[in-house]
Amino acid sequence: MAVNSTENNKVRLDKWLWACRFYKTRAIAKAAIDGGKVHYEGQKPKPGKIVQLEDTVKLRQGFNEKTVIVKGLSDNRGPAKVAQTLYEETPESIHKREEIAQMRKLSAPATSGRPDKKQRRLIHRFKNIHDYNPDSET
């Protein structure tokens, strides 16, 4: 496990989120914190909040909302394998995320690919109502 080398193992929240690879840059992590997309122990923190082991961080990325427990501290961005050891996602969070993804998948319109020639002609006729001629249907 990667541990911070600074004195007293103090790591800022924005650095920790960046080191865990939740956000691509520290600036994006800071913007997410300032925008209210990150909650630390149930409260809206500042980017300079000191992270401690076994604390809970709730963050939102697009449609996904994750609740993670801090398992390690690091202020250096390393390989993804190392970054994954710094936190543990709660089982409730994983289950909720999978449910939401399944609901999104089911609510998306089902398409069978590109329209064929006949379907394309019907689409064009529908869009250009003035060109519609009921006698020319094939």
C-alpha atoms as a PDB file:
ATOM      1  CA  MET A   1       0.000   0.000   0.000  1.00  0.00           C
ATOM      2  CA  ALA A   2       1.322   3.419  -0.933  1.00  0.00           C
ATOM      3  CA  VAL A   3       1.625   5.655   2.083  1.00  0.00           C
ATOM      4  CA  ASN A   4       2.276   9.352   2.010  1.00  0.00           C
ATOM      5  CA  SER A   5       5.836  10.323   2.832  1.00  0.00           C
ATOM      6  CA  THR A   6       5.001  13.748   4.314  1.00  0.00           C
ATOM      7  CA  GLU A   7       5.062  14.284   8.045  1.00  0.00           C
ATOM      8  CA  ASN A   8       2.150  12.887  10.073  1.00  0.00           C
ATOM      9  CA  ASN A   9       0.620  11.313   6.927  1.00  0.00           C
ATOM     10  CA  LYS A  10      -1.515  14.380   6.192  1.00  0.00           C
ATOM     11  CA  VAL A  11      -3.125  14.349   2.750  1.00  0.00           C
ATOM     12  CA  ARG A  12      -5.532  16.921   1.347  1.00  0.00           C
ATOM     13  CA  LEU A  13      -8.863  15.621   0.025  1.00  0.00           C
ATOM     14  CA  ASP A  14      -8.295  16.944  -3.502  1.00  0.00           C
ATOM     15  CA  LYS A  15      -4.854  15.282  -3.655  1.00  0.00           C
ATOM     16  CA  TRP A  16      -6.238  12.008  -2.315  1.00  0.00           C
ATOM     17  CA  LEU A  17      -9.073  11.935  -4.888  1.00  0.00           C
ATOM     18  CA  TRP A  18      -6.514  12.625  -7.629  1.00  0.00           C
ATOM     19  CA  ALA A  19      -4.115   9.951  -6.307  1.00  0.00           C
ATOM     20  CA  CYS A  20      -6.995   7.429  -6.195  1.00  0.00           C
ATOM     21  CA  ARG A  21      -7.691   8.213  -9.859  1.00  0.00           C
ATOM     22  CA  PHE A  22     -11.268   9.357  -9.329  1.00  0.00           C
ATOM     23  CA  TYR A  23     -10.395  12.544 -11.209  1.00  0.00           C
ATOM     24  CA  LYS A  24      -7.821  13.104 -13.939  1.00  0.00           C
ATOM     25  CA  THR A  25      -6.358  16.326 -12.503  1.00  0.00           C
ATOM     26  CA  ARG A  26      -6.260  18.024  -9.118  1.00  0.00           C
ATOM     27  CA  ALA A  27      -8.062  21.007 -10.639  1.00  0.00           C
ATOM     28  CA  ILE A  28     -10.990  18.771 -11.657  1.00  0.00           C
ATOM     29  CA  ALA A  29     -11.016  17.197  -8.184  1.00  0.00           C
ATOM     30  CA  LYS A  30     -11.071  20.665  -6.592  1.00  0.00           C
ATOM     31  CA  ALA A  31     -13.914  21.756  -8.898  1.00  0.00           C
ATOM     32  CA  ALA A  32     -15.917  18.641  -7.970  1.00  0.00           C
ATOM     33  CA  ILE A  33     -15.431  19.343  -4.260  1.00  0.00           C
ATOM     34  CA  ASP A  34     -16.373  23.009  -4.669  1.00  0.00           C
ATOM     35  CA  GLY A  35     -19.370  22.006  -6.800  1.00  0.00           C
ATOM     36  CA  GLY A  36     -20.814  19.801  -4.049  1.00  0.00           C
ATOM     37  CA  LYS A  37     -20.202  16.514  -5.853  1.00  0.00           C
ATOM     38  CA  VAL A  38     -18.000  15.197  -3.027  1.00  0.00           C
ATOM     39  CA  HIS A  39     -19.068  14.676   0.589  1.00  0.00           C
ATOM     40  CA  TYR A  40     -16.667  13.736   3.361  1.00  0.00           C
ATOM     41  CA  GLU A  41     -18.218  12.086   6.420  1.00  0.00           C
ATOM     42  CA  GLY A  42     -21.641  13.384   5.352  1.00  0.00           C
ATOM     43  CA  GLN A  43     -20.540  17.013   5.081  1.00  0.00           C
ATOM     44  CA  LYS A  44     -19.566  19.258   2.193  1.00  0.00           C
ATOM     45  CA  PRO A  45     -15.800  19.724   2.667  1.00  0.00           C
ATOM     46  CA  LYS A  46     -13.208  22.151   1.367  1.00  0.00           C
ATOM     47  CA  PRO A  47     -10.467  20.888  -0.976  1.00  0.00           C
ATOM     48  CA  GLY A  48      -7.876  21.256   1.806  1.00  0.00           C
ATOM     49  CA  LYS A  49      -9.706  18.916   4.209  1.00  0.00           C
ATOM     50  CA  ILE A  50      -7.259  16.414   5.733  1.00  0.00           C
ATOM     51  CA  VAL A  51      -8.228  12.821   4.918  1.00  0.00           C
ATOM     52  CA  GLN A  52      -8.035  10.197   7.665  1.00  0.00           C
ATOM     53  CA  LEU A  53      -8.138   6.411   7.518  1.00  0.00           C
ATOM     54  CA  GLU A  54     -11.535   4.642   7.743  1.00  0.00           C
ATOM     55  CA  ASP A  55     -13.471   7.831   6.892  1.00  0.00           C
ATOM     56  CA  THR A  56     -16.280   7.778   4.331  1.00  0.00           C
ATOM     57  CA  VAL A  57     -16.185   9.723   1.065  1.00  0.00           C
ATOM     58  CA  LYS A  58     -19.245   9.967  -1.178  1.00  0.00           C
ATOM     59  CA  LEU A  59     -18.603  11.217  -4.698  1.00  0.00           C
ATOM     60  CA  ARG A  60     -20.556  11.620  -7.902  1.00  0.00           C
ATOM     61  CA  GLN A  61     -19.074  11.121 -11.379  1.00  0.00           C
ATOM     62  CA  GLY A  62     -21.572  11.578 -14.178  1.00  0.00           C
ATOM     63  CA  PHE A  63     -24.424   9.137 -13.525  1.00  0.00           C
ATOM     64  CA  ASN A  64     -22.415   7.163 -10.971  1.00  0.00           C
ATOM     65  CA  GLU A  65     -22.444   7.853  -7.264  1.00  0.00           C
ATOM     66  CA  LYS A  66     -19.878   5.986  -5.178  1.00  0.00           C
ATOM     67  CA  THR A  67     -19.435   5.639  -1.441  1.00  0.00           C
ATOM     68  CA  VAL A  68     -15.890   4.632  -0.512  1.00  0.00           C
ATOM     69  CA  ILE A  69     -13.990   4.065   2.710  1.00  0.00           C
ATOM     70  CA  VAL A  70     -10.449   5.440   2.979  1.00  0.00           C
ATOM     71  CA  LYS A  71      -8.032   2.505   3.382  1.00  0.00           C
ATOM     72  CA  GLY A  72      -4.736   4.213   2.584  1.00  0.00           C
ATOM     73  CA  LEU A  73      -3.187   7.648   2.196  1.00  0.00           C
ATOM     74  CA  SER A  74      -1.103   8.910  -0.677  1.00  0.00           C
ATOM     75  CA  ASP A  75      -0.455  12.257  -2.285  1.00  0.00           C
ATOM     76  CA  ASN A  76       1.340  10.726  -5.277  1.00  0.00           C
ATOM     77  CA  ARG A  77      -0.522   9.486  -8.325  1.00  0.00           C
ATOM     78  CA  GLY A  78       0.743   6.024  -9.129  1.00  0.00           C
ATOM     79  CA  PRO A  79      -0.412   2.972 -11.058  1.00  0.00           C
ATOM     80  CA  ALA A  80      -4.091   2.061 -11.022  1.00  0.00           C
ATOM     81  CA  LYS A  81      -3.396  -1.139  -9.053  1.00  0.00           C
ATOM     82  CA  VAL A  82      -1.851   0.921  -6.252  1.00  0.00           C
ATOM     83  CA  ALA A  83      -4.618   3.528  -6.404  1.00  0.00           C
ATOM     84  CA  GLN A  84      -7.276   0.830  -5.905  1.00  0.00           C
ATOM     85  CA  THR A  85      -5.676  -0.158  -2.594  1.00  0.00           C
ATOM     86  CA  LEU A  86      -6.256   3.336  -1.183  1.00  0.00           C
ATOM     87  CA  TYR A  87     -10.032   2.894  -0.914  1.00  0.00           C
ATOM     88  CA  GLU A  88     -12.772   0.293  -0.687  1.00  0.00           C
ATOM     89  CA  GLU A  89     -16.217   0.805  -2.174  1.00  0.00           C
ATOM     90  CA  THR A  90     -19.077  -0.201   0.105  1.00  0.00           C
ATOM     91  CA  PRO A  91     -21.272  -3.156  -0.982  1.00  0.00           C
ATOM     92  CA  GLU A  92     -24.391  -0.945  -0.824  1.00  0.00           C
ATOM     93  CA  SER A  93     -22.750   1.527  -3.197  1.00  0.00           C
ATOM     94  CA  ILE A  94     -21.815  -1.206  -5.680  1.00  0.00           C
ATOM     95  CA  HIS A  95     -25.341  -2.659  -5.605  1.00  0.00           C
ATOM     96  CA  LYS A  96     -27.001   0.743  -6.026  1.00  0.00           C
ATOM     97  CA  ARG A  97     -24.674   1.666  -8.924  1.00  0.00           C
ATOM     98  CA  GLU A  98     -25.431  -1.616 -10.716  1.00  0.00           C
ATOM     99  CA  GLU A  99     -29.190  -1.103 -10.255  1.00  0.00           C
ATOM    100  CA  ILE A 100     -29.049   2.407 -11.694  1.00  0.00           C
ATOM    101  CA  ALA A 101     -26.940   1.227 -14.644  1.00  0.00           C
ATOM    102  CA  GLN A 102     -29.443  -1.562 -15.336  1.00  0.00           C
ATOM    103  CA  MET A 103     -32.376   0.888 -15.196  1.00  0.00           C
ATOM    104  CA  ARG A 104     -30.566   3.271 -17.567  1.00  0.00           C
ATOM    105  CA  LYS A 105     -29.875   0.407 -19.951  1.00  0.00           C
ATOM    106  CA  LEU A 106     -33.518  -0.701 -19.945  1.00  0.00           C
ATOM    107  CA  SER A 107     -34.849   2.818 -20.455  1.00  0.00           C
ATOM    108  CA  ALA A 108     -32.662   3.465 -23.503  1.00  0.00           C
ATOM    109  CA  PRO A 109     -34.536   3.115 -26.788  1.00  0.00           C
ATOM    110  CA  ALA A 110     -33.835  -0.160 -28.554  1.00  0.00           C
ATOM    111  CA  THR A 111     -32.533   0.301 -32.070  1.00  0.00           C
ATOM    112  CA  SER A 112     -31.938  -2.344 -34.660  1.00  0.00           C
ATOM    113  CA  GLY A 113     -29.157  -0.461 -36.370  1.00  0.00           C
ATOM    114  CA  ARG A 114     -29.333   1.759 -39.397  1.00  0.00           C
ATOM    115  CA  PRO A 115     -32.587   1.991 -41.377  1.00  0.00           C
ATOM    116  CA  ASP A 116     -32.728   0.094 -44.649  1.00  0.00           C
ATOM    117  CA  LYS A 117     -33.652   1.722 -47.951  1.00  0.00           C
ATOM    118  CA  LYS A 118     -37.419   1.383 -47.521  1.00  0.00           C
ATOM    119  CA  GLN A 119     -37.350   2.723 -43.962  1.00  0.00           C
ATOM    120  CA  ARG A 120     -35.152   5.623 -45.059  1.00  0.00           C
ATOM    121  CA  ARG A 121     -37.653   6.560 -47.789  1.00  0.00           C
ATOM    122  CA  LEU A 122     -40.478   6.531 -45.240  1.00  0.00           C
ATOM    123  CA  ILE A 123     -38.435   8.748 -42.920  1.00  0.00           C
ATOM    124  CA  HIS A 124     -37.769  11.207 -45.734  1.00  0.00           C
ATOM    125  CA  ARG A 125     -41.463  11.239 -46.662  1.00  0.00           C
ATOM    126  CA  PHE A 126     -42.416  11.832 -43.052  1.00  0.00           C
ATOM    127  CA  LYS A 127     -39.971  14.726 -42.679  1.00  0.00           C
ATOM    128  CA  ASN A 128     -40.950  16.296 -46.007  1.00  0.00           C
ATOM    129  CA  ILE A 129     -44.729  16.229 -45.689  1.00  0.00           C
ATOM    130  CA  HIS A 130     -45.127  18.309 -48.864  1.00  0.00           C
ATOM    131  CA  ASP A 131     -43.414  15.612 -50.889  1.00  0.00           C
ATOM    132  CA  TYR A 132     -45.829  12.939 -49.666  1.00  0.00           C
ATOM    133  CA  ASN A 133     -47.763  11.238 -52.436  1.00  0.00           C
ATOM    134  CA  PRO A 134     -50.060   8.412 -51.222  1.00  0.00           C
ATOM    135  CA  ASP A 135     -50.229   6.874 -54.717  1.00  0.00           C
ATOM    136  CA  SER A 136     -46.458   6.340 -54.881  1.00  0.00           C
ATOM    137  CA  GLU A 137     -46.223   3.958 -51.879  1.00  0.00           C
ATOM    138  CA  THR A 138     -44.357   0.747 -52.648  1.00  0.00           C
END
